[in-house]
PDB file of N, CA and C in Angstrom:
ATOM      1  N   MET A   1     162.019  93.456 152.186  1.00  0.00           N
ATOM      2  CA  MET A   1     162.539  92.839 150.972  1.00  0.00           C
ATOM      3  C   MET A   1     164.001  93.204 150.838  1.00  0.00           C
ATOM      4  N   ASN A   2     164.854  92.266 151.084  1.00  0.00           N
ATOM      5  CA  ASN A   2     166.282  92.485 150.893  1.00  0.00           C
ATOM      6  C   ASN A   2     166.862  91.335 150.100  1.00  0.00           C
ATOM      7  N   TYR A   3     167.092  91.568 148.832  1.00  0.00           N
ATOM      8  CA  TYR A   3     167.761  90.608 147.958  1.00  0.00           C
ATOM      9  C   TYR A   3     169.154  91.134 147.683  1.00  0.00           C
ATOM     10  N   ILE A   4     170.095  90.227 147.541  1.00  0.00           N
ATOM     11  CA  ILE A   4     171.436  90.572 147.084  1.00  0.00           C
ATOM     12  C   ILE A   4     171.646  89.833 145.764  1.00  0.00           C
ATOM     13  N   ILE A   5     171.980  90.578 144.717  1.00  0.00           N
ATOM     14  CA  ILE A   5     172.274  89.972 143.420  1.00  0.00           C
ATOM     15  C   ILE A   5     173.726  90.305 143.092  1.00  0.00           C
ATOM     16  N   SER A   6     174.550  89.276 143.013  1.00  0.00           N
ATOM     17  CA  SER A   6     175.973  89.462 142.740  1.00  0.00           C
ATOM     18  C   SER A   6     176.306  88.977 141.344  1.00  0.00           C
ATOM     19  N   GLY A   7     177.271  89.647 140.728  1.00  0.00           N
ATOM     20  CA  GLY A   7     177.706  89.210 139.411  1.00  0.00           C
ATOM     21  C   GLY A   7     178.787  90.099 138.849  1.00  0.00           C
ATOM     22  N   LYS A   8     179.176  89.773 137.632  1.00  0.00           N
ATOM     23  CA  LYS A   8     180.207  90.521 136.922  1.00  0.00           C
ATOM     24  C   LYS A   8     179.542  91.497 135.959  1.00  0.00           C
ATOM     25  N   VAL A   9     180.076  92.711 135.893  1.00  0.00           N
ATOM     26  CA  VAL A   9     179.544  93.719 134.983  1.00  0.00           C
ATOM     27  C   VAL A   9     179.976  93.369 133.555  1.00  0.00           C
ATOM     28  N   ILE A  10     178.974  93.257 132.681  1.00  0.00           N
ATOM     29  CA  ILE A  10     179.211  92.926 131.273  1.00  0.00           C
ATOM     30  C   ILE A  10     178.626  94.018 130.383  1.00  0.00           C
ATOM     31  N   ARG A  11     178.987  93.975 129.126  1.00  0.00           N
ATOM     32  CA  ARG A  11     178.420  94.930 128.159  1.00  0.00           C
ATOM     33  C   ARG A  11     176.970  94.571 127.879  1.00  0.00           C
ATOM     34  N   GLY A  12     176.137  95.605 127.856  1.00  0.00           N
ATOM     35  CA  GLY A  12     174.748  95.427 127.454  1.00  0.00           C
ATOM     36  C   GLY A  12     174.587  95.950 126.039  1.00  0.00           C
ATOM     37  N   ASP A  13     173.361  96.311 125.709  1.00  0.00           N
ATOM     38  CA  ASP A  13     173.102  96.807 124.358  1.00  0.00           C
ATOM     39  C   ASP A  13     173.324  98.314 124.215  1.00  0.00           C
ATOM     40  N   GLY A  14     173.628  99.003 125.318  1.00  0.00           N
ATOM     41  CA  GLY A  14     173.927 100.435 125.256  1.00  0.00           C
ATOM     42  C   GLY A  14     172.703 101.333 125.217  1.00  0.00           C
ATOM     43  N   TYR A  15     171.514 100.766 125.344  1.00  0.00           N
ATOM     44  CA  TYR A  15     170.294 101.574 125.226  1.00  0.00           C
ATOM     45  C   TYR A  15     170.166 102.574 126.379  1.00  0.00           C
ATOM     46  N   GLY A  16     170.476 102.143 127.614  1.00  0.00           N
ATOM     47  CA  GLY A  16     170.387 103.056 128.752  1.00  0.00           C
ATOM     48  C   GLY A  16     171.253 104.293 128.562  1.00  0.00           C
ATOM     49  N   LYS A  17     172.472 104.076 128.098  1.00  0.00           N
ATOM     50  CA  LYS A  17     173.382 105.199 127.844  1.00  0.00           C
ATOM     51  C   LYS A  17     172.828 106.097 126.748  1.00  0.00           C
ATOM     52  N   LYS A  18     172.267 105.493 125.706  1.00  0.00           N
ATOM     53  CA  LYS A  18     171.723 106.247 124.573  1.00  0.00           C
ATOM     54  C   LYS A  18     170.628 107.220 125.012  1.00  0.00           C
ATOM     55  N   ILE A  19     169.798 106.796 125.992  1.00  0.00           N
ATOM     56  CA  ILE A  19     168.692 107.657 126.418  1.00  0.00           C
ATOM     57  C   ILE A  19     169.030 108.493 127.658  1.00  0.00           C
ATOM     58  N   GLY A  20     170.302 108.448 128.081  1.00  0.00           N
ATOM     59  CA  GLY A  20     170.734 109.314 129.176  1.00  0.00           C
ATOM     60  C   GLY A  20     170.747 108.682 130.550  1.00  0.00           C
ATOM     61  N   PHE A  21     170.551 107.372 130.633  1.00  0.00           N
ATOM     62  CA  PHE A  21     170.554 106.669 131.909  1.00  0.00           C
ATOM     63  C   PHE A  21     171.424 105.420 131.792  1.00  0.00           C
ATOM     64  N   PRO A  22     172.760 105.591 131.770  1.00  0.00           N
ATOM     65  CA  PRO A  22     173.631 104.425 131.597  1.00  0.00           C
ATOM     66  C   PRO A  22     173.450 103.426 132.734  1.00  0.00           C
ATOM     67  N   THR A  23     173.571 102.160 132.395  1.00  0.00           N
ATOM     68  CA  THR A  23     173.402 101.106 133.382  1.00  0.00           C
ATOM     69  C   THR A  23     174.587 100.152 133.356  1.00  0.00           C
ATOM     70  N   VAL A  24     174.760  99.443 134.459  1.00  0.00           N
ATOM     71  CA  VAL A  24     175.649  98.289 134.471  1.00  0.00           C
ATOM     72  C   VAL A  24     174.750  97.078 134.296  1.00  0.00           C
ATOM     73  N   ASN A  25     175.198  96.148 133.490  1.00  0.00           N
ATOM     74  CA  ASN A  25     174.472  94.900 133.255  1.00  0.00           C
ATOM     75  C   ASN A  25     175.239  93.793 133.946  1.00  0.00           C
ATOM     76  N   LEU A  26     174.515  92.912 134.645  1.00  0.00           N
ATOM     77  CA  LEU A  26     175.185  91.871 135.405  1.00  0.00           C
ATOM     78  C   LEU A  26     175.014  90.505 134.776  1.00  0.00           C
ATOM     79  N   GLU A  27     176.121  89.776 134.769  1.00  0.00           N
ATOM     80  CA  GLU A  27     176.103  88.359 134.436  1.00  0.00           C
ATOM     81  C   GLU A  27     176.209  87.651 135.780  1.00  0.00           C
ATOM     82  N   THR A  28     175.239  86.816 136.077  1.00  0.00           N
ATOM     83  CA  THR A  28     175.212  86.173 137.383  1.00  0.00           C
ATOM     84  C   THR A  28     174.866  84.700 137.246  1.00  0.00           C
ATOM     85  N   ALA A  29     175.384  83.909 138.159  1.00  0.00           N
ATOM     86  CA  ALA A  29     175.085  82.477 138.186  1.00  0.00           C
ATOM     87  C   ALA A  29     173.966  82.185 139.182  1.00  0.00           C
ATOM     88  N   MET A  30     173.393  83.226 139.749  1.00  0.00           N
ATOM     89  CA  MET A  30     172.343  83.036 140.755  1.00  0.00           C
ATOM     90  C   MET A  30     171.128  82.360 140.138  1.00  0.00           C
ATOM     91  N   LYS A  31     170.448  81.581 140.940  1.00  0.00           N
ATOM     92  CA  LYS A  31     169.263  80.858 140.475  1.00  0.00           C
ATOM     93  C   LYS A  31     167.960  81.541 140.898  1.00  0.00           C
ATOM     94  N   GLU A  32     167.983  82.218 142.044  1.00  0.00           N
ATOM     95  CA  GLU A  32     166.763  82.852 142.557  1.00  0.00           C
ATOM     96  C   GLU A  32     166.846  84.361 142.396  1.00  0.00           C
ATOM     97  N   PHE A  33     165.772  84.924 141.865  1.00  0.00           N
ATOM     98  CA  PHE A  33     165.692  86.362 141.635  1.00  0.00           C
ATOM     99  C   PHE A  33     164.374  86.883 142.189  1.00  0.00           C
ATOM    100  N   PRO A  34     164.341  88.165 142.504  1.00  0.00           N
ATOM    101  CA  PRO A  34     163.048  88.756 142.834  1.00  0.00           C
ATOM    102  C   PRO A  34     162.184  88.777 141.573  1.00  0.00           C
ATOM    103  N   PRO A  35     160.888  88.992 141.711  1.00  0.00           N
ATOM    104  CA  PRO A  35     160.025  89.086 140.530  1.00  0.00           C
ATOM    105  C   PRO A  35     160.457  90.223 139.609  1.00  0.00           C
ATOM    106  N   GLU A  36     160.125  90.098 138.310  1.00  0.00           N
ATOM    107  CA  GLU A  36     160.416  91.184 137.375  1.00  0.00           C
ATOM    108  C   GLU A  36     159.857  92.475 137.937  1.00  0.00           C
ATOM    109  N   GLY A  37     160.628  93.544 137.770  1.00  0.00           N
ATOM    110  CA  GLY A  37     160.159  94.827 138.258  1.00  0.00           C
ATOM    111  C   GLY A  37     161.287  95.823 138.379  1.00  0.00           C
ATOM    112  N   ILE A  38     160.923  96.983 138.916  1.00  0.00           N
ATOM    113  CA  ILE A  38     161.854  98.083 139.131  1.00  0.00           C
ATOM    114  C   ILE A  38     162.006  98.245 140.638  1.00  0.00           C
ATOM    115  N   TYR A  39     163.248  98.346 141.075  1.00  0.00           N
ATOM    116  CA  TYR A  39     163.565  98.376 142.507  1.00  0.00           C
ATOM    117  C   TYR A  39     164.554  99.500 142.803  1.00  0.00           C
ATOM    118  N   SER A  40     164.617  99.881 144.080  1.00  0.00           N
ATOM    119  CA  SER A  40     165.679 100.772 144.533  1.00  0.00           C
ATOM    120  C   SER A  40     166.604  99.969 145.428  1.00  0.00           C
ATOM    121  N   GLY A  41     167.850 100.445 145.527  1.00  0.00           N
ATOM    122  CA  GLY A  41     168.801  99.747 146.370  1.00  0.00           C
ATOM    123  C   GLY A  41     170.123 100.465 146.422  1.00  0.00           C
ATOM    124  N   VAL A  42     171.153  99.719 146.782  1.00  0.00           N
ATOM    125  CA  VAL A  42     172.507 100.263 146.866  1.00  0.00           C
ATOM    126  C   VAL A  42     173.493  99.246 146.299  1.00  0.00           C
ATOM    127  N   VAL A  43     174.669  99.766 145.930  1.00  0.00           N
ATOM    128  CA  VAL A  43     175.752  98.912 145.449  1.00  0.00           C
ATOM    129  C   VAL A  43     177.074  99.509 145.934  1.00  0.00           C
ATOM    130  N   MET A  44     178.022  98.623 146.211  1.00  0.00           N
ATOM    131  CA  MET A  44     179.385  99.063 146.516  1.00  0.00           C
ATOM    132  C   MET A  44     180.233  98.853 145.269  1.00  0.00           C
ATOM    133  N   LEU A  45     180.935  99.904 144.856  1.00  0.00           N
ATOM    134  CA  LEU A  45     181.819  99.818 143.697  1.00  0.00           C
ATOM    135  C   LEU A  45     183.028 100.698 143.968  1.00  0.00           C
ATOM    136  N   ASN A  46     184.213 100.142 143.846  1.00  0.00           N
ATOM    137  CA  ASN A  46     185.452 100.885 144.120  1.00  0.00           C
ATOM    138  C   ASN A  46     185.443 101.504 145.515  1.00  0.00           C
ATOM    139  N   ASN A  47     184.944 100.750 146.481  1.00  0.00           N
ATOM    140  CA  ASN A  47     184.872 101.173 147.890  1.00  0.00           C
ATOM    141  C   ASN A  47     183.960 102.367 148.137  1.00  0.00           C
ATOM    142  N   LEU A  48     183.068 102.640 147.210  1.00  0.00           N
ATOM    143  CA  LEU A  48     182.076 103.697 147.389  1.00  0.00           C
ATOM    144  C   LEU A  48     180.682 103.100 147.251  1.00  0.00           C
ATOM    145  N   GLU A  49     179.746 103.628 148.033  1.00  0.00           N
ATOM    146  CA  GLU A  49     178.365 103.153 147.952  1.00  0.00           C
ATOM    147  C   GLU A  49     177.563 104.101 147.073  1.00  0.00           C
ATOM    148  N   TYR A  50     176.773 103.529 146.171  1.00  0.00           N
ATOM    149  CA  TYR A  50     175.913 104.313 145.280  1.00  0.00           C
ATOM    150  C   TYR A  50     174.477 103.862 145.457  1.00  0.00           C
ATOM    151  N   ARG A  51     173.570 104.819 145.393  1.00  0.00           N
ATOM    152  CA  ARG A  51     172.154 104.474 145.294  1.00  0.00           C
ATOM    153  C   ARG A  51     171.900 104.015 143.870  1.00  0.00           C
ATOM    154  N   VAL A  52     171.039 103.030 143.705  1.00  0.00           N
ATOM    155  CA  VAL A  52     170.795 102.489 142.375  1.00  0.00           C
ATOM    156  C   VAL A  52     169.309 102.283 142.126  1.00  0.00           C
ATOM    157  N   GLY A  53     168.953 102.446 140.850  1.00  0.00           N
ATOM    158  CA  GLY A  53     167.670 102.002 140.341  1.00  0.00           C
ATOM    159  C   GLY A  53     167.952 100.694 139.618  1.00  0.00           C
ATOM    160  N   ILE A  54     167.230  99.646 139.958  1.00  0.00           N
ATOM    161  CA  ILE A  54     167.526  98.302 139.463  1.00  0.00           C
ATOM    162  C   ILE A  54     166.356  97.787 138.640  1.00  0.00           C
ATOM    163  N   VAL A  55     166.685  97.206 137.487  1.00  0.00           N
ATOM    164  CA  VAL A  55     165.676  96.567 136.643  1.00  0.00           C
ATOM    165  C   VAL A  55     165.934  95.065 136.667  1.00  0.00           C
ATOM    166  N   VAL A  56     164.912  94.317 137.075  1.00  0.00           N
ATOM    167  CA  VAL A  56     164.921  92.869 136.899  1.00  0.00           C
ATOM    168  C   VAL A  56     163.954  92.630 135.753  1.00  0.00           C
ATOM    169  N   GLY A  57     164.519  92.362 134.576  1.00  0.00           N
ATOM    170  CA  GLY A  57     163.707  92.274 133.372  1.00  0.00           C
ATOM    171  C   GLY A  57     163.455  90.856 132.920  1.00  0.00           C
ATOM    172  N   PRO A  58     162.769  90.744 131.801  1.00  0.00           N
ATOM    173  CA  PRO A  58     162.482  89.419 131.242  1.00  0.00           C
ATOM    174  C   PRO A  58     163.766  88.627 131.005  1.00  0.00           C
ATOM    175  N   GLY A  59     163.680  87.334 131.202  1.00  0.00           N
ATOM    176  CA  GLY A  59     164.848  86.482 130.994  1.00  0.00           C
ATOM    177  C   GLY A  59     165.896  86.657 132.072  1.00  0.00           C
ATOM    178  N   LYS A  60     165.487  87.162 133.235  1.00  0.00           N
ATOM    179  CA  LYS A  60     166.406  87.387 134.361  1.00  0.00           C
ATOM    180  C   LYS A  60     167.526  88.368 134.009  1.00  0.00           C
ATOM    181  N   LYS A  61     167.215  89.318 133.125  1.00  0.00           N
ATOM    182  CA  LYS A  61     168.181  90.368 132.790  1.00  0.00           C
ATOM    183  C   LYS A  61     168.237  91.348 133.962  1.00  0.00           C
ATOM    184  N   ILE A  62     169.453  91.574 134.461  1.00  0.00           N
ATOM    185  CA  ILE A  62     169.653  92.452 135.604  1.00  0.00           C
ATOM    186  C   ILE A  62     170.499  93.637 135.166  1.00  0.00           C
ATOM    187  N   GLU A  63     169.971  94.840 135.370  1.00  0.00           N
ATOM    188  CA  GLU A  63     170.752  96.039 135.094  1.00  0.00           C
ATOM    189  C   GLU A  63     170.427  97.099 136.125  1.00  0.00           C
ATOM    190  N   ALA A  64     171.393  98.003 136.337  1.00  0.00           N
ATOM    191  CA  ALA A  64     171.208  99.017 137.368  1.00  0.00           C
ATOM    192  C   ALA A  64     171.849 100.331 136.947  1.00  0.00           C
ATOM    193  N   HIS A  65     171.162 101.420 137.269  1.00  0.00           N
ATOM    194  CA  HIS A  65     171.689 102.770 137.057  1.00  0.00           C
ATOM    195  C   HIS A  65     172.261 103.231 138.390  1.00  0.00           C
ATOM    196  N   LEU A  66     173.565 103.470 138.421  1.00  0.00           N
ATOM    197  CA  LEU A  66     174.246 103.926 139.631  1.00  0.00           C
ATOM    198  C   LEU A  66     174.219 105.444 139.644  1.00  0.00           C
ATOM    199  N   MET A  67     173.518 106.005 140.591  1.00  0.00           N
ATOM    200  CA  MET A  67     173.358 107.450 140.652  1.00  0.00           C
ATOM    201  C   MET A  67     174.676 108.104 141.059  1.00  0.00           C
ATOM    202  N   GLY A  68     175.171 109.001 140.199  1.00  0.00           N
ATOM    203  CA  GLY A  68     176.404 109.723 140.465  1.00  0.00           C
ATOM    204  C   GLY A  68     177.662 109.030 139.982  1.00  0.00           C
ATOM    205  N   TYR A  69     177.528 107.874 139.357  1.00  0.00           N
ATOM    206  CA  TYR A  69     178.700 107.141 138.863  1.00  0.00           C
ATOM    207  C   TYR A  69     178.799 107.311 137.357  1.00  0.00           C
ATOM    208  N   ASN A  70     180.016 107.609 136.875  1.00  0.00           N
ATOM    209  CA  ASN A  70     180.184 107.724 135.425  1.00  0.00           C
ATOM    210  C   ASN A  70     181.495 107.098 134.963  1.00  0.00           C
ATOM    211  N   GLY A  71     181.982 106.108 135.702  1.00  0.00           N
ATOM    212  CA  GLY A  71     183.226 105.441 135.342  1.00  0.00           C
ATOM    213  C   GLY A  71     182.983 104.195 134.504  1.00  0.00           C
ATOM    214  N   ASP A  72     184.033 103.425 134.357  1.00  0.00           N
ATOM    215  CA  ASP A  72     183.993 102.174 133.603  1.00  0.00           C
ATOM    216  C   ASP A  72     183.992 101.017 134.596  1.00  0.00           C
ATOM    217  N   ALA A  73     182.928 100.253 134.649  1.00  0.00           N
ATOM    218  CA  ALA A  73     182.816  99.155 135.610  1.00  0.00           C
ATOM    219  C   ALA A  73     182.930  97.788 134.942  1.00  0.00           C
ATOM    220  N   TYR A  74     183.170  97.734 133.641  1.00  0.00           N
ATOM    221  CA  TYR A  74     183.221  96.452 132.940  1.00  0.00           C
ATOM    222  C   TYR A  74     184.215  95.497 133.589  1.00  0.00           C
ATOM    223  N   GLY A  75     183.756  94.271 133.795  1.00  0.00           N
ATOM    224  CA  GLY A  75     184.602  93.228 134.358  1.00  0.00           C
ATOM    225  C   GLY A  75     184.666  93.199 135.872  1.00  0.00           C
ATOM    226  N   LYS A  76     184.122  94.211 136.542  1.00  0.00           N
ATOM    227  CA  LYS A  76     184.167  94.254 138.006  1.00  0.00           C
ATOM    228  C   LYS A  76     183.051  93.396 138.601  1.00  0.00           C
ATOM    229  N   GLN A  77     183.311  92.853 139.776  1.00  0.00           N
ATOM    230  CA  GLN A  77     182.305  92.114 140.529  1.00  0.00           C
ATOM    231  C   GLN A  77     181.544  93.111 141.401  1.00  0.00           C
ATOM    232  N   VAL A  78     180.234  93.045 141.368  1.00  0.00           N
ATOM    233  CA  VAL A  78     179.419  93.920 142.218  1.00  0.00           C
ATOM    234  C   VAL A  78     178.299  93.112 142.847  1.00  0.00           C
ATOM    235  N   SER A  79     177.793  93.650 143.941  1.00  0.00           N
ATOM    236  CA  SER A  79     176.624  93.068 144.604  1.00  0.00           C
ATOM    237  C   SER A  79     175.590  94.163 144.770  1.00  0.00           C
ATOM    238  N   LEU A  80     174.456  93.972 144.112  1.00  0.00           N
ATOM    239  CA  LEU A  80     173.345  94.914 144.233  1.00  0.00           C
ATOM    240  C   LEU A  80     172.487  94.486 145.412  1.00  0.00           C
ATOM    241  N   GLN A  81     172.212  95.411 146.299  1.00  0.00           N
ATOM    242  CA  GLN A  81     171.298  95.123 147.400  1.00  0.00           C
ATOM    243  C   GLN A  81     169.963  95.776 147.085  1.00  0.00           C
ATOM    244  N   ILE A  82     168.956  94.968 146.876  1.00  0.00           N
ATOM    245  CA  ILE A  82     167.620  95.482 146.580  1.00  0.00           C
ATOM    246  C   ILE A  82     166.913  95.758 147.897  1.00  0.00           C
ATOM    247  N   ASN A  83     166.443  96.988 148.043  1.00  0.00           N
ATOM    248  CA  ASN A  83     165.795  97.383 149.290  1.00  0.00           C
ATOM    249  C   ASN A  83     164.282  97.563 149.164  1.00  0.00           C
ATOM    250  N   LYS A  84     163.826  98.020 147.989  1.00  0.00           N
ATOM    251  CA  LYS A  84     162.408  98.372 147.893  1.00  0.00           C
ATOM    252  C   LYS A  84     161.888  98.149 146.477  1.00  0.00           C
ATOM    253  N   PHE A  85     160.711  97.551 146.373  1.00  0.00           N
ATOM    254  CA  PHE A  85     160.019  97.397 145.093  1.00  0.00           C
ATOM    255  C   PHE A  85     159.367  98.736 144.748  1.00  0.00           C
ATOM    256  N   LEU A  86     159.607  99.221 143.517  1.00  0.00           N
ATOM    257  CA  LEU A  86     159.011 100.493 143.102  1.00  0.00           C
ATOM    258  C   LEU A  86     157.783 100.297 142.222  1.00  0.00           C
ATOM    259  N   ARG A  87     157.901  99.405 141.224  1.00  0.00           N
ATOM    260  CA  ARG A  87     156.768  99.181 140.315  1.00  0.00           C
ATOM    261  C   ARG A  87     157.023  97.929 139.484  1.00  0.00           C
ATOM    262  N   GLU A  88     155.981  97.506 138.796  1.00  0.00           N
ATOM    263  CA  GLU A  88     156.105  96.364 137.897  1.00  0.00           C
ATOM    264  C   GLU A  88     156.878  96.758 136.646  1.00  0.00           C
ATOM    265  N   TYR A  89     157.530  95.784 136.040  1.00  0.00           N
ATOM    266  CA  TYR A  89     158.225  95.982 134.770  1.00  0.00           C
ATOM    267  C   TYR A  89     157.186  96.137 133.676  1.00  0.00           C
ATOM    268  N   LYS A  90     157.403  97.082 132.764  1.00  0.00           N
ATOM    269  CA  LYS A  90     156.488  97.235 131.633  1.00  0.00           C
ATOM    270  C   LYS A  90     157.206  97.849 130.448  1.00  0.00           C
ATOM    271  N   LYS A  91     156.662  97.616 129.275  1.00  0.00           N
ATOM    272  CA  LYS A  91     157.162  98.240 128.042  1.00  0.00           C
ATOM    273  C   LYS A  91     156.428  99.557 127.860  1.00  0.00           C
ATOM    274  N   PHE A  92     157.109 100.532 127.278  1.00  0.00           N
ATOM    275  CA  PHE A  92     156.497 101.827 127.029  1.00  0.00           C
ATOM    276  C   PHE A  92     156.297 102.028 125.535  1.00  0.00           C
ATOM    277  N   ASP A  93     155.279 102.813 125.195  1.00  0.00           N
ATOM    278  CA  ASP A  93     154.959 103.056 123.787  1.00  0.00           C
ATOM    279  C   ASP A  93     155.984 103.956 123.105  1.00  0.00           C
ATOM    280  N   THR A  94     156.546 104.898 123.873  1.00  0.00           N
ATOM    281  CA  THR A  94     157.521 105.816 123.280  1.00  0.00           C
ATOM    282  C   THR A  94     158.740 105.937 124.188  1.00  0.00           C
ATOM    283  N   GLU A  95     159.840 106.365 123.598  1.00  0.00           N
ATOM    284  CA  GLU A  95     161.067 106.589 124.360  1.00  0.00           C
ATOM    285  C   GLU A  95     160.866 107.709 125.375  1.00  0.00           C
ATOM    286  N   GLU A  96     160.095 108.728 125.003  1.00  0.00           N
ATOM    287  CA  GLU A  96     159.835 109.849 125.918  1.00  0.00           C
ATOM    288  C   GLU A  96     159.091 109.381 127.168  1.00  0.00           C
ATOM    289  N   GLU A  97     158.087 108.516 126.986  1.00  0.00           N
ATOM    290  CA  GLU A  97     157.355 107.981 128.147  1.00  0.00           C
ATOM    291  C   GLU A  97     158.310 107.205 129.057  1.00  0.00           C
ATOM    292  N   LEU A  98     159.188 106.408 128.470  1.00  0.00           N
ATOM    293  CA  LEU A  98     160.154 105.648 129.243  1.00  0.00           C
ATOM    294  C   LEU A  98     161.071 106.581 130.032  1.00  0.00           C
ATOM    295  N   LYS A  99     161.603 107.613 129.384  1.00  0.00           N
ATOM    296  CA  LYS A  99     162.509 108.537 130.049  1.00  0.00           C
ATOM    297  C   LYS A  99     161.828 109.261 131.207  1.00  0.00           C
ATOM    298  N   GLU A 100     160.584 109.659 131.011  1.00  0.00           N
ATOM    299  CA  GLU A 100     159.844 110.332 132.088  1.00  0.00           C
ATOM    300  C   GLU A 100     159.638 109.390 133.269  1.00  0.00           C
ATOM    301  N   GLN A 101     159.327 108.134 132.988  1.00  0.00           N
ATOM    302  CA  GLN A 101     159.122 107.160 134.064  1.00  0.00           C
ATOM    303  C   GLN A 101     160.422 106.881 134.797  1.00  0.00           C
ATOM    304  N   ILE A 102     161.528 106.778 134.075  1.00  0.00           N
ATOM    305  CA  ILE A 102     162.820 106.546 134.714  1.00  0.00           C
ATOM    306  C   ILE A 102     163.142 107.691 135.668  1.00  0.00           C
ATOM    307  N   LYS A 103     162.876 108.928 135.261  1.00  0.00           N
ATOM    308  CA  LYS A 103     163.115 110.076 136.124  1.00  0.00           C
ATOM    309  C   LYS A 103     162.311 109.945 137.418  1.00  0.00           C
ATOM    310  N   LYS A 104     161.049 109.546 137.287  1.00  0.00           N
ATOM    311  CA  LYS A 104     160.198 109.359 138.476  1.00  0.00           C
ATOM    312  C   LYS A 104     160.733 108.244 139.366  1.00  0.00           C
ATOM    313  N   ASP A 105     161.138 107.143 138.730  1.00  0.00           N
ATOM    314  CA  ASP A 105     161.679 106.016 139.483  1.00  0.00           C
ATOM    315  C   ASP A 105     162.921 106.426 140.267  1.00  0.00           C
ATOM    316  N   LEU A 106     163.829 107.152 139.607  1.00  0.00           N
ATOM    317  CA  LEU A 106     165.085 107.532 140.269  1.00  0.00           C
ATOM    318  C   LEU A 106     164.856 108.509 141.429  1.00  0.00           C
ATOM    319  N   LYS A 107     163.810 109.316 141.363  1.00  0.00           N
ATOM    320  CA  LYS A 107     163.491 110.203 142.483  1.00  0.00           C
ATOM    321  C   LYS A 107     163.145 109.386 143.721  1.00  0.00           C
ATOM    322  N   GLN A 108     162.567 108.204 143.511  1.00  0.00           N
ATOM    323  CA  GLN A 108     162.209 107.343 144.638  1.00  0.00           C
ATOM    324  C   GLN A 108     163.413 106.593 145.202  1.00  0.00           C
ATOM    325  N   CYS A 109     164.485 106.577 144.447  1.00  0.00           N
ATOM    326  CA  CYS A 109     165.685 105.859 144.907  1.00  0.00           C
ATOM    327  C   CYS A 109     166.472 106.704 145.877  1.00  0.00           C
TER     328      CYS A 109
END
């Protein structure tokens, strides 16, 4: 499974940052996406490669947590390379459950 999702980094709702896992949100004109879910992959940003945890959410919302990156990527063009499906997308009952699952997901990345 190798998908490439390219787009411009836009502002999201800030929820990932609020819970300690900031993400880049992509605006893309792509028509085909992998199924909703959580994936691992890589991205090139500022000539550096980062491992990423990628969410393909409802409504084709694409966001990714770049491991080890803490800069400002707004307005930059990026291409996420999806390498592996980790799990299905799901809602969690509590923020704590979500945070624990994100930690597990990122260990697999």
